[in-house]
Amino acid sequence: MLKAKGDAAVATTLAAQTVLRLRYRIGQQLFLDKKLANQDRGNRHSGEAPVDFRCDSGADHFTYMDSPPPGAVDAHPDRAAFLRELASDLRAFARG
């Protein structure tokens, strides 16, 4: 089910939900790239930054939370394993 703020829930197929999530994430990537490229052009240290973009199959907004809100449904097949892998990736990134 997908629901926009104030709208009735709309039943969609899993494929349609996956496409919508992917389009949203790509939109976020393009937005961030544009914002970073247009930052303070007078500052030579800004403008470009490396971006690590990943598409996590089966993950949705609530999958990334330690505890989804009451009543929220997370359809990820193994949320605990997903969060362990995410934590490991973030730890490796932070350590360089």
N, C-alpha and C. Protein backbone atom coordinates (compact mmCIF):
# COMPACT_ATOMS: atom_id res chain seq x y z
N MET A 1 0.83 -1.18 0.00
CA MET A 1 0.00 0.00 0.00
C MET A 1 0.88 1.24 0.00
N LEU A 2 0.58 2.16 -0.84
CA LEU A 2 1.25 3.44 -0.84
C LEU A 2 0.23 4.50 -0.47
N LYS A 3 0.64 5.45 0.32
CA LYS A 3 -0.29 6.49 0.74
C LYS A 3 0.42 7.82 0.82
N ALA A 4 -0.05 8.77 0.06
CA ALA A 4 0.48 10.13 0.15
C ALA A 4 -0.24 10.83 1.28
N LYS A 5 0.38 11.84 1.82
CA LYS A 5 -0.21 12.56 2.95
C LYS A 5 -1.61 13.05 2.59
N GLY A 6 -2.59 12.62 3.36
CA GLY A 6 -3.96 13.06 3.15
C GLY A 6 -4.72 12.28 2.09
N ASP A 7 -4.06 11.35 1.40
CA ASP A 7 -4.72 10.57 0.36
C ASP A 7 -5.13 9.20 0.89
N ALA A 8 -6.03 8.57 0.18
CA ALA A 8 -6.43 7.21 0.53
C ALA A 8 -5.32 6.26 0.12
N ALA A 9 -5.21 5.13 0.81
CA ALA A 9 -4.20 4.14 0.47
C ALA A 9 -4.47 3.59 -0.93
N VAL A 10 -3.40 3.36 -1.67
CA VAL A 10 -3.51 2.85 -3.03
C VAL A 10 -2.78 1.52 -3.10
N ALA A 11 -3.47 0.47 -3.51
CA ALA A 11 -2.83 -0.83 -3.64
C ALA A 11 -1.95 -0.82 -4.89
N THR A 12 -0.72 -1.28 -4.75
CA THR A 12 0.19 -1.35 -5.89
C THR A 12 0.88 -2.69 -5.87
N THR A 13 1.43 -3.07 -7.01
CA THR A 13 2.18 -4.31 -7.07
C THR A 13 3.56 -4.09 -6.46
N LEU A 14 4.21 -5.16 -6.09
CA LEU A 14 5.56 -5.07 -5.54
C LEU A 14 6.50 -4.45 -6.56
N ALA A 15 6.34 -4.80 -7.83
CA ALA A 15 7.19 -4.23 -8.88
C ALA A 15 7.01 -2.72 -8.97
N ALA A 16 5.77 -2.26 -8.89
CA ALA A 16 5.50 -0.82 -8.96
C ALA A 16 6.10 -0.11 -7.76
N GLN A 17 6.00 -0.72 -6.58
CA GLN A 17 6.58 -0.12 -5.38
C GLN A 17 8.10 -0.03 -5.51
N THR A 18 8.72 -1.08 -6.06
CA THR A 18 10.17 -1.09 -6.24
C THR A 18 10.60 0.01 -7.20
N VAL A 19 9.87 0.17 -8.29
CA VAL A 19 10.19 1.22 -9.27
C VAL A 19 10.05 2.60 -8.63
N LEU A 20 8.99 2.81 -7.86
CA LEU A 20 8.79 4.10 -7.20
C LEU A 20 9.91 4.39 -6.20
N ARG A 21 10.32 3.38 -5.42
CA ARG A 21 11.41 3.59 -4.46
C ARG A 21 12.71 3.92 -5.19
N LEU A 22 12.99 3.19 -6.28
CA LEU A 22 14.21 3.43 -7.05
C LEU A 22 14.20 4.82 -7.66
N ARG A 23 13.07 5.24 -8.22
CA ARG A 23 12.98 6.58 -8.81
C ARG A 23 13.17 7.64 -7.74
N TYR A 24 12.65 7.41 -6.55
CA TYR A 24 12.80 8.36 -5.45
C TYR A 24 14.27 8.47 -5.05
N ARG A 25 14.95 7.33 -4.93
CA ARG A 25 16.35 7.35 -4.52
C ARG A 25 17.23 7.98 -5.59
N ILE A 26 16.95 7.71 -6.86
CA ILE A 26 17.72 8.35 -7.93
C ILE A 26 17.47 9.85 -7.91
N GLY A 27 16.23 10.26 -7.64
CA GLY A 27 15.91 11.68 -7.52
C GLY A 27 16.69 12.33 -6.40
N GLN A 28 16.83 11.62 -5.27
CA GLN A 28 17.63 12.14 -4.15
C GLN A 28 19.08 12.31 -4.57
N GLN A 29 19.61 11.31 -5.29
CA GLN A 29 20.99 11.36 -5.76
C GLN A 29 21.22 12.56 -6.66
N LEU A 30 20.32 12.77 -7.63
CA LEU A 30 20.46 13.90 -8.56
C LEU A 30 20.36 15.22 -7.82
N PHE A 31 19.45 15.32 -6.85
CA PHE A 31 19.29 16.54 -6.06
C PHE A 31 20.58 16.84 -5.30
N LEU A 32 21.14 15.83 -4.63
CA LEU A 32 22.37 16.04 -3.86
C LEU A 32 23.54 16.42 -4.76
N ASP A 33 23.66 15.75 -5.90
CA ASP A 33 24.73 16.09 -6.84
C ASP A 33 24.63 17.54 -7.28
N LYS A 34 23.42 17.99 -7.59
CA LYS A 34 23.22 19.37 -8.04
C LYS A 34 23.55 20.35 -6.92
N LYS A 35 23.07 20.07 -5.70
CA LYS A 35 23.33 20.96 -4.57
C LYS A 35 24.82 21.05 -4.28
N LEU A 36 25.51 19.92 -4.30
CA LEU A 36 26.95 19.93 -4.03
C LEU A 36 27.71 20.67 -5.12
N ALA A 37 27.29 20.53 -6.37
CA ALA A 37 27.98 21.20 -7.48
C ALA A 37 27.77 22.70 -7.44
N ASN A 38 26.66 23.16 -6.88
CA ASN A 38 26.35 24.60 -6.87
C ASN A 38 26.72 25.29 -5.56
N GLN A 39 27.34 24.59 -4.64
CA GLN A 39 27.70 25.18 -3.35
C GLN A 39 28.77 26.25 -3.54
N ASP A 40 28.57 27.37 -2.93
CA ASP A 40 29.57 28.42 -2.80
C ASP A 40 30.72 28.32 -3.80
N ARG A 41 30.48 28.75 -5.00
CA ARG A 41 31.47 28.63 -6.07
C ARG A 41 32.77 29.38 -5.78
N GLY A 42 32.75 30.34 -4.84
CA GLY A 42 33.96 31.06 -4.49
C GLY A 42 34.89 30.25 -3.60
N ASN A 43 34.39 29.20 -3.00
CA ASN A 43 35.20 28.37 -2.11
C ASN A 43 35.76 27.20 -2.91
N ARG A 44 37.06 27.16 -3.09
CA ARG A 44 37.65 26.13 -3.95
C ARG A 44 37.56 24.73 -3.36
N HIS A 45 37.21 24.62 -2.07
CA HIS A 45 37.12 23.29 -1.45
C HIS A 45 35.73 22.67 -1.62
N SER A 46 34.79 23.41 -2.17
CA SER A 46 33.46 22.83 -2.34
C SER A 46 33.17 22.64 -3.82
N GLY A 47 32.11 21.97 -4.11
CA GLY A 47 31.70 21.79 -5.49
C GLY A 47 31.45 20.34 -5.82
N GLU A 48 32.42 19.49 -5.58
CA GLU A 48 32.24 18.08 -5.88
C GLU A 48 32.59 17.25 -4.66
N ALA A 49 31.89 16.18 -4.53
CA ALA A 49 32.17 15.24 -3.44
C ALA A 49 31.83 13.85 -3.94
N PRO A 50 32.60 12.85 -3.54
CA PRO A 50 32.26 11.49 -3.96
C PRO A 50 30.95 11.06 -3.31
N VAL A 51 30.16 10.33 -4.05
CA VAL A 51 28.88 9.84 -3.54
C VAL A 51 28.85 8.34 -3.72
N ASP A 52 28.56 7.63 -2.65
CA ASP A 52 28.41 6.18 -2.70
C ASP A 52 26.92 5.89 -2.76
N PHE A 53 26.43 5.49 -3.93
CA PHE A 53 25.00 5.26 -4.13
C PHE A 53 24.74 3.77 -4.19
N ARG A 54 23.80 3.31 -3.39
CA ARG A 54 23.43 1.90 -3.38
C ARG A 54 21.92 1.77 -3.43
N CYS A 55 21.46 0.76 -4.12
CA CYS A 55 20.03 0.45 -4.14
C CYS A 55 19.84 -0.83 -3.34
N ASP A 56 19.20 -0.72 -2.21
CA ASP A 56 18.99 -1.87 -1.34
C ASP A 56 17.67 -2.54 -1.71
N SER A 57 17.76 -3.64 -2.41
CA SER A 57 16.57 -4.35 -2.88
C SER A 57 15.70 -4.80 -1.70
N GLY A 58 14.44 -4.47 -1.76
CA GLY A 58 13.50 -4.88 -0.73
C GLY A 58 13.43 -3.95 0.47
N ALA A 59 14.32 -2.97 0.54
CA ALA A 59 14.32 -2.06 1.69
C ALA A 59 13.43 -0.86 1.39
N ASP A 60 12.69 -0.42 2.40
CA ASP A 60 11.91 0.80 2.24
C ASP A 60 12.26 1.75 3.37
N HIS A 61 11.52 2.81 3.50
CA HIS A 61 11.82 3.86 4.47
C HIS A 61 12.00 3.31 5.89
N PHE A 62 11.10 2.44 6.33
CA PHE A 62 11.12 1.96 7.70
C PHE A 62 12.19 0.90 7.94
N THR A 63 12.73 0.28 6.90
CA THR A 63 13.76 -0.74 7.06
C THR A 63 15.00 -0.16 7.72
N TYR A 64 15.27 1.12 7.49
CA TYR A 64 16.48 1.75 8.01
C TYR A 64 16.35 2.19 9.47
N MET A 65 15.18 2.05 10.06
CA MET A 65 14.96 2.47 11.45
C MET A 65 15.21 1.31 12.40
N ASP A 66 15.73 1.62 13.60
CA ASP A 66 15.89 0.58 14.61
C ASP A 66 14.54 0.00 15.00
N SER A 67 13.56 0.86 15.18
CA SER A 67 12.21 0.44 15.54
C SER A 67 11.21 1.22 14.70
N PRO A 68 10.54 0.57 13.75
CA PRO A 68 9.53 1.28 12.96
C PRO A 68 8.41 1.79 13.86
N PRO A 69 7.72 2.84 13.45
CA PRO A 69 6.61 3.37 14.24
C PRO A 69 5.50 2.33 14.42
N PRO A 70 4.71 2.45 15.48
CA PRO A 70 3.61 1.51 15.70
C PRO A 70 2.69 1.45 14.48
N GLY A 71 2.37 0.26 14.08
CA GLY A 71 1.46 0.07 12.95
C GLY A 71 2.14 0.07 11.60
N ALA A 72 3.43 0.44 11.54
CA ALA A 72 4.14 0.46 10.26
C ALA A 72 4.52 -0.97 9.87
N VAL A 73 4.40 -1.27 8.60
CA VAL A 73 4.72 -2.60 8.10
C VAL A 73 6.01 -2.52 7.29
N ASP A 74 6.99 -3.33 7.66
CA ASP A 74 8.24 -3.41 6.91
C ASP A 74 8.26 -4.75 6.20
N ALA A 75 8.29 -4.74 4.89
CA ALA A 75 8.20 -5.96 4.11
C ALA A 75 9.56 -6.59 3.82
N HIS A 76 10.63 -6.06 4.39
CA HIS A 76 11.96 -6.62 4.11
C HIS A 76 12.03 -8.05 4.64
N PRO A 77 12.60 -8.97 3.86
CA PRO A 77 12.61 -10.38 4.27
C PRO A 77 13.45 -10.68 5.52
N ASP A 78 14.54 -9.94 5.75
CA ASP A 78 15.37 -10.18 6.94
C ASP A 78 15.93 -8.85 7.42
N ARG A 79 15.13 -8.13 8.14
CA ARG A 79 15.46 -6.77 8.59
C ARG A 79 16.68 -6.75 9.50
N ALA A 80 16.78 -7.72 10.41
CA ALA A 80 17.91 -7.76 11.35
C ALA A 80 19.23 -7.92 10.60
N ALA A 81 19.27 -8.83 9.63
CA ALA A 81 20.49 -9.03 8.84
C ALA A 81 20.81 -7.78 8.02
N PHE A 82 19.78 -7.14 7.48
CA PHE A 82 19.98 -5.91 6.71
C PHE A 82 20.61 -4.83 7.58
N LEU A 83 20.10 -4.65 8.80
CA LEU A 83 20.64 -3.62 9.69
C LEU A 83 22.06 -3.95 10.14
N ARG A 84 22.36 -5.24 10.35
CA ARG A 84 23.74 -5.62 10.70
C ARG A 84 24.70 -5.28 9.56
N GLU A 85 24.30 -5.60 8.33
CA GLU A 85 25.15 -5.29 7.17
C GLU A 85 25.31 -3.79 6.99
N LEU A 86 24.23 -3.04 7.18
CA LEU A 86 24.29 -1.58 7.07
C LEU A 86 25.24 -1.01 8.12
N ALA A 87 25.15 -1.49 9.36
CA ALA A 87 26.03 -1.02 10.43
C ALA A 87 27.49 -1.34 10.11
N SER A 88 27.74 -2.51 9.57
CA SER A 88 29.09 -2.90 9.19
C SER A 88 29.64 -1.99 8.09
N ASP A 89 28.81 -1.71 7.08
CA ASP A 89 29.23 -0.81 5.99
C ASP A 89 29.52 0.59 6.51
N LEU A 90 28.68 1.09 7.40
CA LEU A 90 28.89 2.43 7.96
C LEU A 90 30.16 2.48 8.81
N ARG A 91 30.40 1.42 9.57
CA ARG A 91 31.62 1.37 10.39
C ARG A 91 32.86 1.37 9.49
N ALA A 92 32.84 0.58 8.42
CA ALA A 92 33.97 0.54 7.48
C ALA A 92 34.18 1.90 6.83
N PHE A 93 33.08 2.58 6.47
CA PHE A 93 33.18 3.90 5.86
C PHE A 93 33.81 4.90 6.84
N ALA A 94 33.37 4.86 8.10
CA ALA A 94 33.87 5.80 9.10
C ALA A 94 35.35 5.59 9.40
N ARG A 95 35.78 4.35 9.33
CA ARG A 95 37.19 4.05 9.59
C ARG A 95 38.09 4.38 8.40
N GLY A 96 37.48 4.54 7.23
CA GLY A 96 38.24 4.90 6.04
C GLY A 96 38.87 3.72 5.44
